[in-house]
Amino acid sequence: MEGSRSETCAAEASEEIIYTSVRFSQTLPPRSKTGQERKVPCLWPAVVPELAIGFGILSIILAIALIWKISESHPHCPEQWVAYRGSCYSFSKEKKDWHSSQEACKAQRAHLLVISDTSEMDLFKSIQAECFWIGLKNSTGSAWIWEDGSVFSGTKVLSNSPVQHCVVLMKYHFQASSCEVPTPWICEKSLR
């Protein structure tokens, strides 16, 4: 038993030596001649202009990408059409009867002008100098109906004859006309 006790003491002693013999030393950095710590040269002033240029170029690229994306997603009217309050308008230069004018608008994925409120009416009264076919018709002899199916509830439609079933927009009023009279027309469609 004594042999095992001396082995245990020897093991404890060697562990103690290893444990106590591990020491770390700390060395202080050398001091400069003036007694102050040495300063590492700062590279920041040399990097600032390069970073500014890089950020400037990145900002320009992002702005161009944003403008391009907005212009692609922003609805617009076809060439030669006029935009106003969410719609596009086309004023024909040629003259056709009311039904042919309606077909010409449909061929452009549009319809004859339907005036929805007084501000739109005021706009068209102020910008046109001659008469134009619009999407207002009376086929039953009782009520004037817009091409979209709504009933006309605006000012009076002037009429000279019971055979006048289509309407032209004149500078200051709506005028009934025979649907066969060749007249320019206004097409309307939504912005896309």
N, C-alpha and C. Protein backbone atom coordinates (compact mmCIF):
# COMPACT_ATOMS: atom_id res chain seq x y z
N MET A 1 0.78 -1.16 0.00
CA MET A 1 0.00 0.00 0.00
C MET A 1 0.84 1.25 0.00
N GLU A 2 1.94 1.08 0.59
CA GLU A 2 2.84 2.20 0.63
C GLU A 2 3.31 2.58 -0.76
N GLY A 3 3.43 1.62 -1.63
CA GLY A 3 3.86 1.90 -3.00
C GLY A 3 2.83 2.71 -3.73
N SER A 4 1.60 2.44 -3.47
CA SER A 4 0.55 3.16 -4.19
C SER A 4 0.42 4.57 -3.65
N ARG A 5 0.74 4.77 -2.39
CA ARG A 5 0.69 6.09 -1.80
C ARG A 5 1.79 6.97 -2.31
N SER A 6 2.94 6.44 -2.49
CA SER A 6 4.05 7.23 -3.01
C SER A 6 3.82 7.56 -4.47
N GLU A 7 3.14 6.71 -5.22
CA GLU A 7 2.83 7.00 -6.62
C GLU A 7 1.83 8.15 -6.70
N THR A 8 0.89 8.15 -5.78
CA THR A 8 -0.13 9.21 -5.78
C THR A 8 0.52 10.54 -5.45
N CYS A 9 1.43 10.54 -4.46
CA CYS A 9 2.11 11.77 -4.09
C CYS A 9 2.99 12.27 -5.22
N ALA A 10 3.64 11.34 -5.91
CA ALA A 10 4.50 11.73 -7.03
C ALA A 10 3.67 12.33 -8.14
N ALA A 11 2.49 11.74 -8.39
CA ALA A 11 1.62 12.26 -9.45
C ALA A 11 1.10 13.64 -9.08
N GLU A 12 0.74 13.82 -7.82
CA GLU A 12 0.25 15.12 -7.37
C GLU A 12 1.35 16.16 -7.44
N ALA A 13 2.57 15.75 -7.09
CA ALA A 13 3.69 16.69 -7.12
C ALA A 13 4.00 17.11 -8.53
N SER A 14 3.96 16.16 -9.47
CA SER A 14 4.29 16.53 -10.85
C SER A 14 3.19 17.41 -11.44
N GLU A 15 1.95 17.16 -11.08
CA GLU A 15 0.87 18.02 -11.57
C GLU A 15 1.01 19.40 -10.98
N GLU A 16 1.42 19.45 -9.73
CA GLU A 16 1.58 20.74 -9.08
C GLU A 16 2.70 21.52 -9.72
N ILE A 17 3.74 20.85 -10.08
CA ILE A 17 4.87 21.53 -10.72
C ILE A 17 4.45 22.06 -12.09
N ILE A 18 3.78 21.24 -12.82
CA ILE A 18 3.33 21.67 -14.16
C ILE A 18 2.36 22.83 -14.01
N TYR A 19 1.48 22.71 -13.04
CA TYR A 19 0.49 23.72 -12.85
C TYR A 19 1.10 25.04 -12.41
N THR A 20 2.01 24.98 -11.53
CA THR A 20 2.59 26.19 -10.99
C THR A 20 3.72 26.73 -11.85
N SER A 21 4.26 25.91 -12.75
CA SER A 21 5.38 26.40 -13.54
C SER A 21 4.94 27.15 -14.79
N VAL A 22 3.64 27.18 -15.11
CA VAL A 22 3.17 27.90 -16.31
C VAL A 22 2.97 29.35 -15.91
N ARG A 23 3.73 30.23 -16.57
CA ARG A 23 3.64 31.66 -16.30
C ARG A 23 3.71 32.42 -17.61
N PHE A 24 3.00 33.47 -17.66
CA PHE A 24 3.00 34.32 -18.86
C PHE A 24 3.69 35.61 -18.54
N SER A 25 4.44 36.06 -19.46
CA SER A 25 5.10 37.35 -19.22
C SER A 25 4.50 38.38 -20.17
N GLN A 26 4.49 39.61 -19.76
CA GLN A 26 3.92 40.68 -20.57
C GLN A 26 5.03 41.67 -20.85
N THR A 27 5.17 42.00 -22.14
CA THR A 27 6.20 42.98 -22.50
C THR A 27 5.52 44.25 -22.91
N LEU A 28 6.01 45.36 -22.55
CA LEU A 28 5.46 46.67 -22.88
C LEU A 28 6.04 47.14 -24.22
N PRO A 29 5.25 47.86 -25.01
CA PRO A 29 5.78 48.36 -26.28
C PRO A 29 6.87 49.39 -26.01
N PRO A 30 7.85 49.47 -26.91
CA PRO A 30 8.92 50.46 -26.70
C PRO A 30 8.37 51.87 -26.81
N ARG A 31 8.91 52.78 -26.05
CA ARG A 31 8.49 54.18 -26.06
C ARG A 31 9.37 54.96 -27.02
N SER A 32 8.76 56.01 -27.58
CA SER A 32 9.53 56.86 -28.50
C SER A 32 10.47 57.74 -27.68
N LYS A 33 11.31 58.44 -28.41
CA LYS A 33 12.31 59.26 -27.74
C LYS A 33 11.68 60.39 -26.93
N THR A 34 10.50 60.89 -27.38
CA THR A 34 9.88 62.01 -26.68
C THR A 34 9.06 61.54 -25.50
N GLY A 35 8.92 60.26 -25.35
CA GLY A 35 8.17 59.74 -24.21
C GLY A 35 6.70 59.48 -24.56
N GLN A 36 6.25 59.88 -25.74
CA GLN A 36 4.88 59.61 -26.15
C GLN A 36 4.84 58.34 -26.98
N GLU A 37 3.66 57.72 -27.04
CA GLU A 37 3.53 56.53 -27.84
C GLU A 37 3.60 56.89 -29.31
N ARG A 38 4.15 55.97 -30.12
CA ARG A 38 4.23 56.20 -31.56
C ARG A 38 2.84 56.12 -32.17
N LYS A 39 2.52 56.99 -33.10
CA LYS A 39 1.23 56.98 -33.79
C LYS A 39 1.41 56.28 -35.13
N VAL A 40 0.42 55.45 -35.44
CA VAL A 40 0.42 54.78 -36.74
C VAL A 40 -0.12 55.79 -37.75
N PRO A 41 0.51 55.92 -38.92
CA PRO A 41 0.02 56.91 -39.89
C PRO A 41 -1.41 56.56 -40.32
N CYS A 42 -2.29 57.57 -40.42
CA CYS A 42 -3.69 57.39 -40.79
C CYS A 42 -3.82 57.40 -42.31
N LEU A 43 -4.46 56.38 -42.85
CA LEU A 43 -4.67 56.28 -44.29
C LEU A 43 -6.01 56.86 -44.71
N TRP A 44 -6.85 57.26 -43.77
CA TRP A 44 -8.19 57.75 -44.06
C TRP A 44 -8.21 58.91 -45.05
N PRO A 45 -7.40 59.97 -44.91
CA PRO A 45 -7.47 61.08 -45.88
C PRO A 45 -7.19 60.63 -47.31
N ALA A 46 -6.40 59.61 -47.51
CA ALA A 46 -6.11 59.14 -48.86
C ALA A 46 -7.28 58.32 -49.42
N VAL A 47 -8.09 57.70 -48.56
CA VAL A 47 -9.19 56.84 -48.99
C VAL A 47 -10.47 57.62 -49.23
N VAL A 48 -10.67 58.74 -48.54
CA VAL A 48 -11.91 59.51 -48.60
C VAL A 48 -12.28 59.89 -50.04
N PRO A 49 -11.39 60.49 -50.83
CA PRO A 49 -11.79 60.85 -52.20
C PRO A 49 -12.21 59.64 -53.03
N GLU A 50 -11.53 58.53 -52.87
CA GLU A 50 -11.88 57.32 -53.64
C GLU A 50 -13.25 56.80 -53.21
N LEU A 51 -13.52 56.82 -51.91
CA LEU A 51 -14.83 56.39 -51.43
C LEU A 51 -15.93 57.33 -51.92
N ALA A 52 -15.67 58.62 -51.91
CA ALA A 52 -16.66 59.60 -52.38
C ALA A 52 -16.98 59.38 -53.85
N ILE A 53 -15.99 59.14 -54.65
CA ILE A 53 -16.20 58.88 -56.07
C ILE A 53 -16.99 57.59 -56.26
N GLY A 54 -16.62 56.56 -55.52
CA GLY A 54 -17.33 55.28 -55.61
C GLY A 54 -18.80 55.40 -55.22
N PHE A 55 -19.06 56.11 -54.10
CA PHE A 55 -20.44 56.31 -53.68
C PHE A 55 -21.20 57.18 -54.67
N GLY A 56 -20.54 58.16 -55.24
CA GLY A 56 -21.18 59.02 -56.25
C GLY A 56 -21.59 58.23 -57.48
N ILE A 57 -20.70 57.38 -57.98
CA ILE A 57 -21.01 56.55 -59.14
C ILE A 57 -22.14 55.58 -58.81
N LEU A 58 -22.08 54.97 -57.64
CA LEU A 58 -23.13 54.05 -57.22
C LEU A 58 -24.48 54.77 -57.13
N SER A 59 -24.49 55.98 -56.59
CA SER A 59 -25.73 56.76 -56.48
C SER A 59 -26.31 57.07 -57.85
N ILE A 60 -25.47 57.43 -58.79
CA ILE A 60 -25.93 57.75 -60.15
C ILE A 60 -26.52 56.50 -60.80
N ILE A 61 -25.85 55.38 -60.66
CA ILE A 61 -26.35 54.12 -61.25
C ILE A 61 -27.70 53.75 -60.64
N LEU A 62 -27.83 53.87 -59.32
CA LEU A 62 -29.10 53.55 -58.67
C LEU A 62 -30.20 54.51 -59.11
N ALA A 63 -29.90 55.79 -59.25
CA ALA A 63 -30.89 56.77 -59.70
C ALA A 63 -31.36 56.46 -61.12
N ILE A 64 -30.44 56.13 -62.01
CA ILE A 64 -30.80 55.78 -63.39
C ILE A 64 -31.66 54.52 -63.40
N ALA A 65 -31.30 53.53 -62.62
CA ALA A 65 -32.08 52.29 -62.57
C ALA A 65 -33.49 52.56 -62.04
N LEU A 66 -33.61 53.42 -61.04
CA LEU A 66 -34.91 53.75 -60.48
C LEU A 66 -35.76 54.50 -61.49
N ILE A 67 -35.19 55.48 -62.16
CA ILE A 67 -35.93 56.24 -63.18
C ILE A 67 -36.37 55.32 -64.31
N TRP A 68 -35.51 54.43 -64.73
CA TRP A 68 -35.84 53.49 -65.80
C TRP A 68 -36.99 52.59 -65.37
N LYS A 69 -36.94 52.10 -64.14
CA LYS A 69 -37.99 51.22 -63.62
C LYS A 69 -39.31 51.96 -63.51
N ILE A 70 -39.29 53.20 -63.03
CA ILE A 70 -40.51 53.99 -62.90
C ILE A 70 -41.09 54.28 -64.27
N SER A 71 -40.25 54.63 -65.24
CA SER A 71 -40.77 54.96 -66.57
C SER A 71 -41.35 53.73 -67.25
N GLU A 72 -40.83 52.55 -66.96
CA GLU A 72 -41.39 51.33 -67.53
C GLU A 72 -42.74 51.00 -66.90
N SER A 73 -42.89 51.21 -65.61
CA SER A 73 -44.12 50.84 -64.93
C SER A 73 -45.15 51.97 -64.95
N HIS A 74 -44.73 53.18 -65.26
CA HIS A 74 -45.65 54.31 -65.28
C HIS A 74 -46.46 54.29 -66.57
N PRO A 75 -47.78 54.33 -66.46
CA PRO A 75 -48.60 54.31 -67.66
C PRO A 75 -48.37 55.54 -68.53
N HIS A 76 -48.51 55.37 -69.81
CA HIS A 76 -48.33 56.49 -70.73
C HIS A 76 -49.24 56.30 -71.93
N CYS A 77 -49.48 57.39 -72.64
CA CYS A 77 -50.34 57.37 -73.83
C CYS A 77 -49.50 57.07 -75.07
N PRO A 78 -50.15 56.51 -76.09
CA PRO A 78 -49.43 56.31 -77.36
C PRO A 78 -49.04 57.66 -77.97
N GLU A 79 -48.14 57.63 -78.93
CA GLU A 79 -47.75 58.86 -79.61
C GLU A 79 -48.97 59.50 -80.26
N GLN A 80 -48.97 60.80 -80.32
CA GLN A 80 -50.04 61.60 -80.91
C GLN A 80 -51.32 61.63 -80.08
N TRP A 81 -51.32 61.03 -78.90
CA TRP A 81 -52.47 61.05 -78.00
C TRP A 81 -52.19 62.04 -76.88
N VAL A 82 -53.24 62.61 -76.30
CA VAL A 82 -53.12 63.59 -75.22
C VAL A 82 -53.57 62.95 -73.91
N ALA A 83 -52.77 63.10 -72.86
CA ALA A 83 -53.11 62.55 -71.54
C ALA A 83 -53.83 63.60 -70.70
N TYR A 84 -54.89 63.18 -70.01
CA TYR A 84 -55.60 64.05 -69.09
C TYR A 84 -56.35 63.20 -68.08
N ARG A 85 -56.06 63.38 -66.78
CA ARG A 85 -56.75 62.74 -65.67
C ARG A 85 -57.00 61.24 -65.86
N GLY A 86 -55.96 60.50 -66.19
CA GLY A 86 -56.08 59.04 -66.26
C GLY A 86 -56.55 58.49 -67.59
N SER A 87 -56.77 59.35 -68.58
CA SER A 87 -57.21 58.89 -69.90
C SER A 87 -56.32 59.46 -70.99
N CYS A 88 -56.37 58.82 -72.15
CA CYS A 88 -55.67 59.29 -73.34
C CYS A 88 -56.71 59.65 -74.39
N TYR A 89 -56.46 60.74 -75.13
CA TYR A 89 -57.41 61.22 -76.12
C TYR A 89 -56.71 61.41 -77.46
N SER A 90 -57.42 61.02 -78.51
CA SER A 90 -56.91 61.19 -79.87
C SER A 90 -57.94 61.97 -80.68
N PHE A 91 -57.48 63.01 -81.37
CA PHE A 91 -58.34 63.84 -82.20
C PHE A 91 -58.06 63.51 -83.66
N SER A 92 -59.06 63.01 -84.36
CA SER A 92 -58.83 62.61 -85.75
C SER A 92 -58.72 63.85 -86.64
N LYS A 93 -58.03 63.67 -87.74
CA LYS A 93 -57.93 64.73 -88.74
C LYS A 93 -58.83 64.41 -89.93
N GLU A 94 -59.12 63.14 -90.11
CA GLU A 94 -60.01 62.75 -91.21
C GLU A 94 -61.46 62.78 -90.73
N LYS A 95 -62.39 62.63 -91.67
CA LYS A 95 -63.82 62.67 -91.36
C LYS A 95 -64.47 61.36 -91.76
N LYS A 96 -65.35 60.86 -90.88
CA LYS A 96 -66.12 59.63 -91.13
C LYS A 96 -67.49 59.79 -90.50
N ASP A 97 -68.41 58.90 -90.86
CA ASP A 97 -69.71 58.89 -90.19
C ASP A 97 -69.53 58.36 -88.76
N TRP A 98 -70.60 58.46 -87.94
CA TRP A 98 -70.49 58.09 -86.53
C TRP A 98 -70.06 56.64 -86.34
N HIS A 99 -70.69 55.69 -87.07
CA HIS A 99 -70.38 54.27 -86.90
C HIS A 99 -68.95 53.95 -87.34
N SER A 100 -68.49 54.56 -88.43
CA SER A 100 -67.10 54.34 -88.89
C SER A 100 -66.11 54.95 -87.90
N SER A 101 -66.49 56.07 -87.30
CA SER A 101 -65.64 56.70 -86.27
C SER A 101 -65.53 55.79 -85.06
N GLN A 102 -66.64 55.20 -84.68
CA GLN A 102 -66.67 54.27 -83.55
C GLN A 102 -65.75 53.07 -83.84
N GLU A 103 -65.81 52.53 -85.03
CA GLU A 103 -64.96 51.40 -85.42
C GLU A 103 -63.48 51.80 -85.45
N ALA A 104 -63.19 53.02 -85.89
CA ALA A 104 -61.80 53.51 -85.91
C ALA A 104 -61.23 53.56 -84.49
N CYS A 105 -62.05 53.97 -83.54
CA CYS A 105 -61.61 53.98 -82.13
C CYS A 105 -61.40 52.57 -81.61
N LYS A 106 -62.33 51.67 -81.91
CA LYS A 106 -62.21 50.28 -81.46
C LYS A 106 -60.94 49.63 -82.02
N ALA A 107 -60.57 49.99 -83.25
CA ALA A 107 -59.35 49.43 -83.85
C ALA A 107 -58.11 49.86 -83.09
N GLN A 108 -58.20 50.94 -82.33
CA GLN A 108 -57.08 51.44 -81.52
C GLN A 108 -57.28 51.08 -80.05
N ARG A 109 -58.15 50.11 -79.78
CA ARG A 109 -58.49 49.69 -78.41
C ARG A 109 -58.98 50.86 -77.57
N ALA A 110 -59.86 51.65 -78.18
CA ALA A 110 -60.42 52.83 -77.53
C ALA A 110 -61.91 52.88 -77.84
N HIS A 111 -62.56 53.95 -77.41
CA HIS A 111 -63.98 54.19 -77.71
C HIS A 111 -64.15 55.67 -77.99
N LEU A 112 -65.30 56.02 -78.59
CA LEU A 112 -65.58 57.44 -78.78
C LEU A 112 -65.66 58.11 -77.41
N LEU A 113 -65.31 59.36 -77.37
CA LEU A 113 -65.24 60.13 -76.12
C LEU A 113 -66.53 60.01 -75.30
N VAL A 114 -66.36 59.69 -74.02
CA VAL A 114 -67.45 59.69 -73.04
C VAL A 114 -67.06 60.74 -72.00
N ILE A 115 -67.85 61.80 -71.91
CA ILE A 115 -67.55 62.88 -70.97
C ILE A 115 -68.20 62.54 -69.63
N SER A 116 -67.37 62.41 -68.60
CA SER A 116 -67.86 61.93 -67.31
C SER A 116 -68.18 63.02 -66.29
N ASP A 117 -67.65 64.23 -66.47
CA ASP A 117 -67.95 65.29 -65.50
C ASP A 117 -67.79 66.66 -66.15
N THR A 118 -68.15 67.70 -65.41
CA THR A 118 -68.13 69.06 -65.98
C THR A 118 -66.72 69.56 -66.26
N SER A 119 -65.73 69.15 -65.46
CA SER A 119 -64.37 69.63 -65.72
C SER A 119 -63.84 69.04 -67.03
N GLU A 120 -64.20 67.78 -67.32
CA GLU A 120 -63.81 67.18 -68.59
C GLU A 120 -64.55 67.88 -69.73
N MET A 121 -65.81 68.20 -69.52
CA MET A 121 -66.58 68.93 -70.53
C MET A 121 -65.97 70.30 -70.79
N ASP A 122 -65.60 71.00 -69.73
CA ASP A 122 -64.98 72.32 -69.89
C ASP A 122 -63.67 72.22 -70.66
N LEU A 123 -62.90 71.18 -70.38
CA LEU A 123 -61.64 70.99 -71.10
C LEU A 123 -61.89 70.87 -72.60
N PHE A 124 -62.82 70.00 -72.98
CA PHE A 124 -63.05 69.78 -74.41
C PHE A 124 -63.71 70.98 -75.09
N LYS A 125 -64.51 71.70 -74.36
CA LYS A 125 -65.08 72.92 -74.94
C LYS A 125 -63.98 73.94 -75.22
N SER A 126 -62.96 73.98 -74.38
CA SER A 126 -61.93 75.01 -74.52
C SER A 126 -60.85 74.66 -75.54
N ILE A 127 -60.64 73.37 -75.85
CA ILE A 127 -59.50 73.04 -76.72
C ILE A 127 -59.87 72.76 -78.17
N GLN A 128 -61.13 72.54 -78.46
CA GLN A 128 -61.45 72.21 -79.84
C GLN A 128 -62.15 73.38 -80.52
N ALA A 129 -61.89 73.49 -81.81
CA ALA A 129 -62.44 74.61 -82.57
C ALA A 129 -63.57 74.19 -83.50
N GLU A 130 -63.63 72.91 -83.84
CA GLU A 130 -64.69 72.43 -84.72
C GLU A 130 -65.50 71.36 -84.01
N CYS A 131 -66.43 70.76 -84.72
CA CYS A 131 -67.23 69.71 -84.09
C CYS A 131 -66.55 68.36 -84.26
N PHE A 132 -66.77 67.47 -83.28
CA PHE A 132 -66.21 66.12 -83.27
C PHE A 132 -67.30 65.14 -82.84
N TRP A 133 -67.29 63.96 -83.47
CA TRP A 133 -68.14 62.90 -82.97
C TRP A 133 -67.69 62.51 -81.58
N ILE A 134 -68.66 62.27 -80.70
CA ILE A 134 -68.38 61.74 -79.37
C ILE A 134 -69.26 60.50 -79.18
N GLY A 135 -69.07 59.78 -78.12
CA GLY A 135 -69.79 58.53 -77.88
C GLY A 135 -71.15 58.70 -77.26
N LEU A 136 -71.97 59.59 -77.80
CA LEU A 136 -73.31 59.84 -77.29
C LEU A 136 -74.30 59.63 -78.42
N LYS A 137 -75.33 58.79 -78.15
CA LYS A 137 -76.26 58.41 -79.20
C LYS A 137 -77.65 58.19 -78.61
N ASN A 138 -78.66 58.41 -79.44
CA ASN A 138 -80.05 58.18 -79.05
C ASN A 138 -80.67 57.28 -80.11
N SER A 139 -80.73 56.00 -79.84
CA SER A 139 -81.29 55.08 -80.83
C SER A 139 -82.77 54.79 -80.59
N THR A 140 -83.28 55.10 -79.42
CA THR A 140 -84.68 54.81 -79.10
C THR A 140 -85.58 56.02 -79.25
N GLY A 141 -85.02 57.19 -79.34
CA GLY A 141 -85.82 58.41 -79.44
C GLY A 141 -86.18 58.99 -78.09
N SER A 142 -85.73 58.38 -76.99
CA SER A 142 -86.10 58.90 -75.67
C SER A 142 -84.91 59.47 -74.90
N ALA A 143 -83.92 58.65 -74.59
CA ALA A 143 -82.79 59.10 -73.76
C ALA A 143 -81.49 59.03 -74.55
N TRP A 144 -80.62 59.96 -74.24
CA TRP A 144 -79.27 59.95 -74.83
C TRP A 144 -78.40 59.05 -73.96
N ILE A 145 -77.73 58.11 -74.60
CA ILE A 145 -76.93 57.11 -73.89
C ILE A 145 -75.47 57.22 -74.35
N TRP A 146 -74.56 57.25 -73.37
CA TRP A 146 -73.13 57.24 -73.67
C TRP A 146 -72.73 55.85 -74.16
N GLU A 147 -71.64 55.77 -74.86
CA GLU A 147 -71.15 54.51 -75.40
C GLU A 147 -70.86 53.48 -74.30
N ASP A 148 -70.55 53.93 -73.09
CA ASP A 148 -70.30 52.98 -71.98
C ASP A 148 -71.59 52.49 -71.32
N GLY A 149 -72.75 52.93 -71.82
CA GLY A 149 -74.04 52.49 -71.30
C GLY A 149 -74.68 53.44 -70.30
N SER A 150 -73.96 54.45 -69.84
CA SER A 150 -74.53 55.39 -68.86
C SER A 150 -75.45 56.39 -69.56
N VAL A 151 -76.43 56.86 -68.81
CA VAL A 151 -77.41 57.81 -69.33
C VAL A 151 -76.84 59.22 -69.24
N PHE A 152 -77.01 59.97 -70.31
CA PHE A 152 -76.55 61.36 -70.35
C PHE A 152 -77.38 62.19 -69.38
N SER A 153 -76.71 62.89 -68.49
CA SER A 153 -77.43 63.71 -67.50
C SER A 153 -76.90 65.13 -67.50
N GLY A 154 -76.22 65.52 -68.55
CA GLY A 154 -75.62 66.85 -68.61
C GLY A 154 -76.58 67.88 -69.16
N THR A 155 -75.99 68.85 -69.78
CA THR A 155 -76.80 69.91 -70.37
C THR A 155 -77.60 69.38 -71.55
N LYS A 156 -78.42 70.19 -72.09
CA LYS A 156 -79.32 69.80 -73.18
C LYS A 156 -78.55 69.51 -74.47
N VAL A 157 -79.05 68.51 -75.24
CA VAL A 157 -78.54 68.24 -76.58
C VAL A 157 -79.44 68.98 -77.55
N LEU A 158 -78.86 69.89 -78.32
CA LEU A 158 -79.64 70.66 -79.29
C LEU A 158 -79.93 69.79 -80.51
N SER A 159 -81.18 69.82 -80.97
CA SER A 159 -81.56 69.00 -82.10
C SER A 159 -82.51 69.77 -83.01
N ASN A 160 -82.35 69.59 -84.32
CA ASN A 160 -83.20 70.27 -85.30
C ASN A 160 -84.19 69.31 -85.97
N SER A 161 -83.96 68.01 -85.80
CA SER A 161 -84.75 67.04 -86.55
C SER A 161 -84.86 65.73 -85.78
N PRO A 162 -85.95 64.98 -85.94
CA PRO A 162 -86.10 63.69 -85.27
C PRO A 162 -85.19 62.61 -85.83
N VAL A 163 -84.52 62.85 -86.95
CA VAL A 163 -83.61 61.84 -87.53
C VAL A 163 -82.17 62.04 -87.07
N GLN A 164 -81.96 62.96 -86.17
CA GLN A 164 -80.62 63.21 -85.65
C GLN A 164 -80.43 62.36 -84.38
N HIS A 165 -79.68 61.24 -84.50
CA HIS A 165 -79.54 60.30 -83.39
C HIS A 165 -78.12 60.23 -82.82
N CYS A 166 -77.17 60.92 -83.41
CA CYS A 166 -75.79 60.92 -82.93
C CYS A 166 -75.43 62.34 -82.52
N VAL A 167 -74.39 62.46 -81.69
CA VAL A 167 -74.05 63.77 -81.14
C VAL A 167 -72.62 64.17 -81.52
N VAL A 168 -72.49 65.44 -81.90
CA VAL A 168 -71.17 66.03 -82.07
C VAL A 168 -70.96 67.03 -80.94
N LEU A 169 -69.74 67.14 -80.51
CA LEU A 169 -69.38 68.14 -79.50
C LEU A 169 -68.92 69.37 -80.24
N MET A 170 -69.64 70.45 -80.04
CA MET A 170 -69.25 71.73 -80.63
C MET A 170 -68.62 72.57 -79.53
N LYS A 171 -68.09 73.70 -79.89
CA LYS A 171 -67.33 74.50 -78.93
C LYS A 171 -68.10 74.76 -77.63
N TYR A 172 -69.37 75.09 -77.71
CA TYR A 172 -70.09 75.46 -76.50
C TYR A 172 -71.29 74.58 -76.17
N HIS A 173 -71.52 73.51 -76.94
CA HIS A 173 -72.70 72.69 -76.67
C HIS A 173 -72.62 71.33 -77.36
N PHE A 174 -73.60 70.48 -77.02
CA PHE A 174 -73.78 69.20 -77.69
C PHE A 174 -74.82 69.43 -78.80
N GLN A 175 -74.50 68.95 -79.99
CA GLN A 175 -75.42 69.13 -81.12
C GLN A 175 -75.77 67.77 -81.71
N ALA A 176 -77.08 67.49 -81.83
CA ALA A 176 -77.53 66.26 -82.48
C ALA A 176 -77.28 66.39 -83.97
N SER A 177 -76.97 65.26 -84.59
CA SER A 177 -76.69 65.25 -86.01
C SER A 177 -77.11 63.92 -86.60
N SER A 178 -77.29 63.90 -87.90
CA SER A 178 -77.51 62.63 -88.58
C SER A 178 -76.22 61.82 -88.47
N CYS A 179 -76.32 60.54 -88.16
CA CYS A 179 -75.15 59.69 -87.91
C CYS A 179 -74.32 59.47 -89.18
N GLU A 180 -74.85 59.82 -90.35
CA GLU A 180 -74.14 59.59 -91.62
C GLU A 180 -73.27 60.77 -92.05
N VAL A 181 -73.32 61.87 -91.35
CA VAL A 181 -72.54 63.05 -91.72
C VAL A 181 -71.06 62.78 -91.45
N PRO A 182 -70.16 62.99 -92.45
CA PRO A 182 -68.72 62.80 -92.19
C PRO A 182 -68.18 63.93 -91.30
N THR A 183 -67.61 63.52 -90.18
CA THR A 183 -67.12 64.47 -89.18
C THR A 183 -65.88 63.87 -88.51
N PRO A 184 -64.93 64.71 -88.06
CA PRO A 184 -63.82 64.16 -87.25
C PRO A 184 -64.37 63.64 -85.91
N TRP A 185 -63.55 62.89 -85.18
CA TRP A 185 -64.02 62.28 -83.93
C TRP A 185 -62.90 62.33 -82.88
N ILE A 186 -63.31 62.07 -81.63
CA ILE A 186 -62.35 62.00 -80.51
C ILE A 186 -62.45 60.59 -79.92
N CYS A 187 -61.31 59.90 -79.88
CA CYS A 187 -61.22 58.59 -79.22
C CYS A 187 -60.68 58.78 -77.81
N GLU A 188 -61.08 57.90 -76.93
CA GLU A 188 -60.62 57.93 -75.53
C GLU A 188 -60.27 56.50 -75.08
N LYS A 189 -59.21 56.38 -74.30
CA LYS A 189 -58.89 55.11 -73.65
C LYS A 189 -58.11 55.39 -72.38
N SER A 190 -58.10 54.39 -71.51
CA SER A 190 -57.41 54.53 -70.22
C SER A 190 -55.91 54.52 -70.41
N LEU A 191 -55.20 55.21 -69.50
CA LEU A 191 -53.74 55.16 -69.50
C LEU A 191 -53.27 53.76 -69.23
N ARG A 192 -52.19 53.31 -69.88
CA ARG A 192 -51.63 51.99 -69.62
C ARG A 192 -50.16 52.12 -69.36
